[in-house]
Amino acid sequence: MELLVLLLRINPVIIYIAGGYILLVVLLYFIQDRFIFKPEKLSKDFEYKYDVPFKELFFEVEQGVSINGLHFYCNKPHGLILYLHGNTRSIKGWAKYARDFYRYNYDVVMVDYRGFGKSTGKRSERDIKKDMQFVYDTLAVQYHEHHILVYGRSLGSGFATKLASDNKPRYLIIDSPYYSFRKVVERYLPFLPSKFVLRYHLRTDKWITRVNCHTYIIHGTKDWLIPISHSEKLQKLNPHKITLIRIHGGGHNNLPSFPEYHNFIRDILLY
């Protein structure tokens, strides 16, 4: 105690620095959801409009929690793509990517996480994982699991991998994934004790080793947000069941602008 008093007398600024750091850590713990998720909210009476056949879905997970989705459908589909999007916007904007799959005669279901679009409920990693499993179970009544492909984009790649590890879809496709969400945070905030502060850990590295179906990873070589090294490390965890597809010159948000991306999607879906 005497030593602490002596140190503070010698350099009182220490207490201000330590106090500021502790305050910052506590603040980040409670408001991190605002930094991770950038949702677009839609009114309940918002009408989706697209020039292809679709229907709106509501998955009533529990009282007060409804997960909104869009189902793009075609005649005699080869299977179903369950598409889990990134951390921004809502399915209203993400729906444009459905054409990358239904052009090959696949049905596509896209869903919004809690607090996105028309979806309701308070978010947490545990609850989102539970919601996605509920959606999967509901769809598996209509589609045989062997005809279901789970696609996860960026933030959604972790939830998609978790789904594939707990079920038996035909394929898992993850687009610009992270090794674990903690690794992404540590890259930008190395001073943060992320192990204790983060409420979203999303252990893709842990779950992908439990996936029994073949996994396709698609990643741009110039992705500065989540470097391709994340995917390379994931691929090494199970090289016989994971195919890494590099989009040369691709960034984090522009892979669909590369013909190679569409060629690979075509080859996967026709395989």
Protein backbone atom coordinates (compact mmCIF):
# COMPACT_ATOMS: atom_id res chain seq x y z
CA MET A 1 0.00 0.00 0.00
CA GLU A 2 2.81 2.38 0.87
CA LEU A 3 4.47 1.54 -2.45
CA LEU A 4 1.27 2.41 -4.36
CA VAL A 5 0.96 5.75 -2.54
CA LEU A 6 4.59 6.49 -3.32
CA LEU A 7 4.11 5.73 -7.03
CA LEU A 8 1.06 7.96 -7.24
CA ARG A 9 2.92 10.79 -5.53
CA ILE A 10 5.79 10.44 -7.96
CA ASN A 11 3.58 10.22 -11.06
CA PRO A 12 -0.13 10.96 -10.36
CA VAL A 13 -0.95 10.78 -14.09
CA ILE A 14 -0.81 6.98 -13.78
CA ILE A 15 -4.16 6.89 -12.00
CA TYR A 16 -5.78 8.97 -14.74
CA ILE A 17 -4.42 6.74 -17.50
CA ALA A 18 -5.48 3.57 -15.71
CA GLY A 19 -8.89 5.01 -14.91
CA GLY A 20 -9.41 6.12 -18.50
CA TYR A 21 -8.44 2.71 -19.81
CA ILE A 22 -10.81 0.92 -17.44
CA LEU A 23 -13.63 3.31 -18.39
CA LEU A 24 -12.96 2.69 -22.10
CA VAL A 25 -13.01 -1.11 -21.63
CA VAL A 26 -16.28 -0.99 -19.68
CA LEU A 27 -17.83 1.34 -22.26
CA LEU A 28 -16.81 -0.91 -25.15
CA TYR A 29 -18.28 -3.92 -23.38
CA PHE A 30 -21.72 -2.35 -23.24
CA ILE A 31 -21.83 -0.56 -26.61
CA GLN A 32 -19.88 -3.02 -28.81
CA ASP A 33 -23.10 -4.16 -30.46
CA ARG A 34 -23.33 -0.73 -32.12
CA PHE A 35 -19.87 -1.13 -33.64
CA ILE A 36 -20.35 -4.72 -34.82
CA PHE A 37 -23.82 -4.45 -36.34
CA LYS A 38 -25.02 -1.74 -38.73
CA PRO A 39 -28.65 -2.74 -39.33
CA GLU A 40 -31.19 -1.15 -41.61
CA LYS A 41 -34.59 -1.25 -39.94
CA LEU A 42 -37.80 -1.60 -41.95
CA SER A 43 -41.36 -0.84 -40.92
CA LYS A 44 -43.73 -3.76 -40.50
CA ASP A 45 -45.78 -2.64 -43.50
CA PHE A 46 -42.78 -2.30 -45.84
CA GLU A 47 -43.45 -4.13 -49.13
CA TYR A 48 -40.63 -5.99 -50.84
CA LYS A 49 -40.70 -5.76 -54.63
CA TYR A 50 -38.63 -7.91 -57.00
CA ASP A 51 -39.06 -9.00 -60.60
CA VAL A 52 -38.73 -12.74 -59.82
CA PRO A 53 -41.06 -15.05 -57.86
CA PHE A 54 -40.64 -14.70 -54.09
CA LYS A 55 -42.57 -14.77 -50.86
CA GLU A 56 -42.00 -13.17 -47.49
CA LEU A 57 -41.36 -15.42 -44.50
CA PHE A 58 -41.70 -14.98 -40.75
CA PHE A 59 -40.06 -17.46 -38.40
CA GLU A 60 -41.67 -17.18 -34.96
CA VAL A 61 -38.74 -18.30 -32.84
CA GLU A 62 -40.29 -17.45 -29.49
CA GLN A 63 -42.69 -14.97 -27.99
CA GLY A 64 -41.64 -11.50 -29.07
CA VAL A 65 -39.00 -12.75 -31.51
CA SER A 66 -39.80 -12.96 -35.20
CA ILE A 67 -37.14 -13.54 -37.87
CA ASN A 68 -38.05 -12.05 -41.23
CA GLY A 69 -36.93 -13.67 -44.46
CA LEU A 70 -37.34 -13.75 -48.22
CA HIS A 71 -37.80 -16.95 -50.20
CA PHE A 72 -36.93 -16.75 -53.89
CA TYR A 73 -38.27 -19.87 -55.57
CA CYS A 74 -38.26 -21.58 -58.95
CA ASN A 75 -39.89 -24.60 -60.57
CA LYS A 76 -38.35 -27.94 -59.60
CA PRO A 77 -35.30 -26.48 -57.79
CA HIS A 78 -32.09 -28.47 -57.52
CA GLY A 79 -31.83 -27.43 -53.89
CA LEU A 80 -31.95 -24.55 -51.45
CA ILE A 81 -29.37 -21.90 -50.57
CA LEU A 82 -29.71 -20.57 -47.02
CA TYR A 83 -27.89 -17.23 -47.24
CA LEU A 84 -26.64 -15.55 -44.05
CA HIS A 85 -25.57 -12.00 -44.83
CA GLY A 86 -22.99 -9.62 -43.40
CA ASN A 87 -23.21 -7.07 -40.59
CA THR A 88 -24.89 -4.23 -42.52
CA ARG A 89 -28.21 -3.29 -44.12
CA SER A 90 -31.12 -5.75 -44.34
CA ILE A 91 -32.35 -8.44 -46.72
CA LYS A 92 -33.94 -5.67 -48.78
CA GLY A 93 -30.47 -4.79 -50.07
CA TRP A 94 -28.87 -8.23 -49.85
CA ALA A 95 -31.64 -9.74 -52.00
CA LYS A 96 -29.85 -8.65 -55.19
CA TYR A 97 -27.33 -11.44 -54.60
CA ALA A 98 -30.04 -14.10 -54.73
CA ARG A 99 -29.77 -14.05 -58.54
CA ASP A 100 -26.28 -15.55 -58.26
CA PHE A 101 -27.98 -18.76 -57.13
CA TYR A 102 -31.50 -18.95 -58.56
CA ARG A 103 -30.07 -18.50 -62.06
CA TYR A 104 -28.86 -22.09 -61.59
CA ASN A 105 -32.32 -23.23 -60.52
CA TYR A 106 -31.81 -23.08 -56.79
CA ASP A 107 -34.28 -21.67 -54.30
CA VAL A 108 -32.79 -19.01 -52.03
CA VAL A 109 -33.81 -18.04 -48.51
CA MET A 110 -32.30 -14.93 -46.93
CA VAL A 111 -33.02 -13.95 -43.35
CA ASP A 112 -32.37 -10.91 -41.19
CA TYR A 113 -30.80 -11.16 -37.76
CA ARG A 114 -32.55 -9.72 -34.73
CA GLY A 115 -32.90 -5.95 -35.05
CA PHE A 116 -32.31 -6.00 -38.82
CA GLY A 117 -35.13 -5.16 -41.25
CA LYS A 118 -38.39 -6.46 -39.80
CA SER A 119 -36.77 -9.00 -37.48
CA THR A 120 -37.36 -8.43 -33.77
CA GLY A 121 -35.65 -9.38 -30.54
CA LYS A 122 -32.53 -8.47 -28.61
CA ARG A 123 -29.27 -9.69 -30.14
CA SER A 124 -26.64 -11.94 -28.62
CA GLU A 125 -24.36 -14.55 -30.14
CA ARG A 126 -26.24 -17.34 -28.40
CA ASP A 127 -29.65 -16.10 -29.55
CA ILE A 128 -28.62 -15.54 -33.17
CA LYS A 129 -27.20 -19.07 -33.32
CA LYS A 130 -30.46 -20.36 -31.87
CA ASP A 131 -32.49 -18.34 -34.41
CA MET A 132 -30.52 -19.67 -37.36
CA GLN A 133 -30.96 -23.23 -36.14
CA PHE A 134 -34.71 -22.64 -35.88
CA VAL A 135 -34.75 -21.35 -39.46
CA TYR A 136 -32.72 -24.35 -40.64
CA ASP A 137 -35.00 -26.83 -38.86
CA THR A 138 -38.07 -25.21 -40.39
CA LEU A 139 -36.62 -25.33 -43.91
CA ALA A 140 -35.42 -28.92 -43.44
CA VAL A 141 -39.08 -29.97 -43.21
CA GLN A 142 -39.57 -28.85 -46.81
CA TYR A 143 -36.09 -29.59 -48.20
CA HIS A 144 -34.03 -32.69 -47.55
CA GLU A 145 -30.77 -31.76 -45.85
CA HIS A 146 -28.75 -33.17 -48.74
CA HIS A 147 -30.33 -30.47 -50.91
CA ILE A 148 -29.56 -27.60 -48.52
CA LEU A 149 -26.44 -25.48 -49.00
CA VAL A 150 -25.48 -23.01 -46.28
CA TYR A 151 -23.83 -19.79 -47.47
CA GLY A 152 -22.29 -17.30 -45.03
CA ARG A 153 -21.00 -13.91 -46.04
CA SER A 154 -18.44 -12.04 -43.86
CA LEU A 155 -20.02 -11.81 -40.38
CA GLY A 156 -22.54 -14.46 -41.45
CA SER A 157 -19.74 -16.92 -42.20
CA GLY A 158 -19.35 -17.73 -38.51
CA PHE A 159 -23.05 -18.42 -38.02
CA ALA A 160 -23.12 -20.46 -41.24
CA THR A 161 -20.19 -22.58 -40.08
CA LYS A 162 -21.87 -23.19 -36.75
CA LEU A 163 -25.03 -24.33 -38.57
CA ALA A 164 -23.07 -26.70 -40.80
CA SER A 165 -21.23 -28.15 -37.81
CA ASP A 166 -24.50 -29.00 -36.04
CA ASN A 167 -26.35 -30.33 -39.09
CA LYS A 168 -25.77 -32.20 -42.34
CA PRO A 169 -26.17 -29.83 -45.29
CA ARG A 170 -24.84 -30.74 -48.71
CA TYR A 171 -22.18 -28.02 -48.74
CA LEU A 172 -20.97 -25.09 -46.70
CA ILE A 173 -19.85 -21.99 -48.62
CA ILE A 174 -18.26 -19.14 -46.68
CA ASP A 175 -17.42 -15.85 -48.32
CA SER A 176 -14.64 -13.66 -46.86
CA PRO A 177 -14.68 -15.39 -43.46
CA TYR A 178 -12.68 -14.70 -40.31
CA TYR A 179 -10.63 -17.29 -38.41
CA SER A 180 -12.47 -16.13 -35.31
CA PHE A 181 -14.14 -12.82 -34.59
CA ARG A 182 -11.73 -12.21 -31.75
CA LYS A 183 -8.82 -12.29 -34.23
CA VAL A 184 -10.47 -9.52 -36.27
CA VAL A 185 -10.93 -7.32 -33.21
CA GLU A 186 -7.36 -7.92 -32.01
CA ARG A 187 -6.05 -6.76 -35.38
CA TYR A 188 -7.69 -3.34 -35.00
CA LEU A 189 -7.72 -3.01 -31.21
CA PRO A 190 -4.60 -4.84 -29.97
CA PHE A 191 -4.72 -2.99 -26.64
CA LEU A 192 -8.17 -4.36 -25.81
CA PRO A 193 -8.44 -7.45 -23.54
CA SER A 194 -10.80 -8.96 -26.12
CA LYS A 195 -10.93 -12.36 -24.45
CA PHE A 196 -12.81 -10.79 -21.54
CA VAL A 197 -14.54 -7.83 -23.20
CA LEU A 198 -16.00 -9.34 -26.37
CA ARG A 199 -19.55 -10.65 -26.22
CA TYR A 200 -19.23 -12.08 -29.75
CA HIS A 201 -16.43 -14.60 -30.20
CA LEU A 202 -17.76 -16.54 -33.22
CA ARG A 203 -15.25 -19.40 -33.21
CA THR A 204 -15.21 -20.32 -36.89
CA ASP A 205 -11.88 -22.06 -36.28
CA LYS A 206 -13.48 -24.30 -33.67
CA TRP A 207 -16.71 -25.08 -35.55
CA ILE A 208 -15.19 -25.72 -38.97
CA THR A 209 -13.34 -28.79 -37.67
CA ARG A 210 -16.72 -30.34 -36.88
CA VAL A 211 -18.24 -29.77 -40.33
CA ASN A 212 -18.74 -33.09 -42.12
CA CYS A 213 -19.75 -31.79 -45.54
CA HIS A 214 -17.30 -30.28 -48.00
CA THR A 215 -16.58 -26.61 -47.36
CA TYR A 216 -15.78 -23.99 -49.98
CA ILE A 217 -14.08 -20.79 -48.88
CA ILE A 218 -14.09 -17.82 -51.25
CA HIS A 219 -11.79 -14.92 -50.40
CA GLY A 220 -10.26 -11.96 -52.20
CA THR A 221 -6.47 -11.65 -52.22
CA LYS A 222 -6.69 -7.90 -51.54
CA ASP A 223 -9.18 -8.00 -48.71
CA TRP A 224 -7.78 -5.46 -46.25
CA LEU A 225 -10.66 -5.76 -43.75
CA ILE A 226 -10.35 -9.51 -43.20
CA PRO A 227 -7.10 -10.64 -44.87
CA ILE A 228 -7.04 -13.87 -46.83
CA SER A 229 -4.64 -15.24 -44.20
CA HIS A 230 -7.74 -15.95 -42.09
CA SER A 231 -9.08 -18.29 -44.78
CA GLU A 232 -5.68 -19.86 -45.34
CA LYS A 233 -5.49 -20.76 -41.65
CA LEU A 234 -9.03 -22.15 -41.73
CA GLN A 235 -8.22 -24.28 -44.76
CA LYS A 236 -5.24 -25.82 -42.99
CA LEU A 237 -7.50 -27.05 -40.17
CA ASN A 238 -9.10 -29.63 -42.47
CA PRO A 239 -7.41 -29.50 -45.89
CA HIS A 240 -9.13 -32.63 -47.24
CA LYS A 241 -12.60 -31.20 -46.71
CA ILE A 242 -11.96 -27.51 -47.35
CA THR A 243 -11.35 -25.95 -50.76
CA LEU A 244 -9.98 -22.39 -50.72
CA ILE A 245 -10.88 -20.34 -53.78
CA ARG A 246 -8.80 -17.20 -54.22
CA ILE A 247 -10.29 -14.28 -56.14
CA HIS A 248 -7.17 -12.48 -57.31
CA GLY A 249 -7.49 -8.73 -56.81
CA GLY A 250 -10.75 -9.10 -54.92
CA GLY A 251 -11.48 -6.99 -51.85
CA HIS A 252 -13.93 -7.51 -49.03
CA ASN A 253 -17.08 -6.10 -50.61
CA ASN A 254 -16.62 -6.54 -54.35
CA LEU A 255 -16.24 -10.26 -55.07
CA PRO A 256 -19.49 -10.46 -57.14
CA SER A 257 -17.94 -7.96 -59.56
CA PHE A 258 -15.36 -10.58 -60.58
CA PRO A 259 -16.30 -13.14 -63.29
CA GLU A 260 -14.21 -15.71 -61.44
CA TYR A 261 -16.54 -15.51 -58.45
CA HIS A 262 -19.57 -16.38 -60.58
CA ASN A 263 -17.68 -19.13 -62.38
CA PHE A 264 -16.80 -20.77 -59.09
CA ILE A 265 -20.38 -20.46 -57.79
CA ARG A 266 -21.61 -22.06 -61.01
CA ASP A 267 -19.14 -24.92 -60.72
CA ILE A 268 -20.04 -25.56 -57.08
CA LEU A 269 -23.78 -25.58 -57.74
CA LEU A 270 -23.51 -27.79 -60.82
CA TYR A 271 -21.16 -30.26 -59.13
